[in-house]
C-alpha atoms as a PDB file:
ATOM      1  CA  MET A   1      13.397  69.794 114.750  1.00  0.00           C
ATOM      2  CA  SER A   2      16.571  67.968 114.127  1.00  0.00           C
ATOM      3  CA  GLU A   3      14.568  64.886 113.250  1.00  0.00           C
ATOM      4  CA  GLN A   4      12.649  66.891 110.547  1.00  0.00           C
ATOM      5  CA  VAL A   5      15.938  68.108 108.992  1.00  0.00           C
ATOM      6  CA  HIS A   6      17.359  64.599 109.115  1.00  0.00           C
ATOM      7  CA  VAL A   7      14.277  63.181 107.448  1.00  0.00           C
ATOM      8  CA  SER A   8      14.220  65.990 104.910  1.00  0.00           C
ATOM      9  CA  ASP A   9      18.082  65.962 104.352  1.00  0.00           C
ATOM     10  CA  PRO A  10      19.967  62.836 105.065  1.00  0.00           C
ATOM     11  CA  THR A  11      23.097  64.662 104.283  1.00  0.00           C
ATOM     12  CA  ARG A  12      22.451  67.015 107.109  1.00  0.00           C
ATOM     13  CA  ASP A  13      21.711  64.079 109.446  1.00  0.00           C
ATOM     14  CA  PHE A  14      25.150  62.713 108.947  1.00  0.00           C
ATOM     15  CA  LYS A  15      26.595  66.114 109.634  1.00  0.00           C
ATOM     16  CA  SER A  16      24.548  66.403 112.907  1.00  0.00           C
ATOM     17  CA  ALA A  17      25.428  62.997 113.963  1.00  0.00           C
END
């Protein structure tokens, strides 16, 4: 689901990464 969040919110992707 992290991929969905990353694709939905790039800002969240950077936070997760």
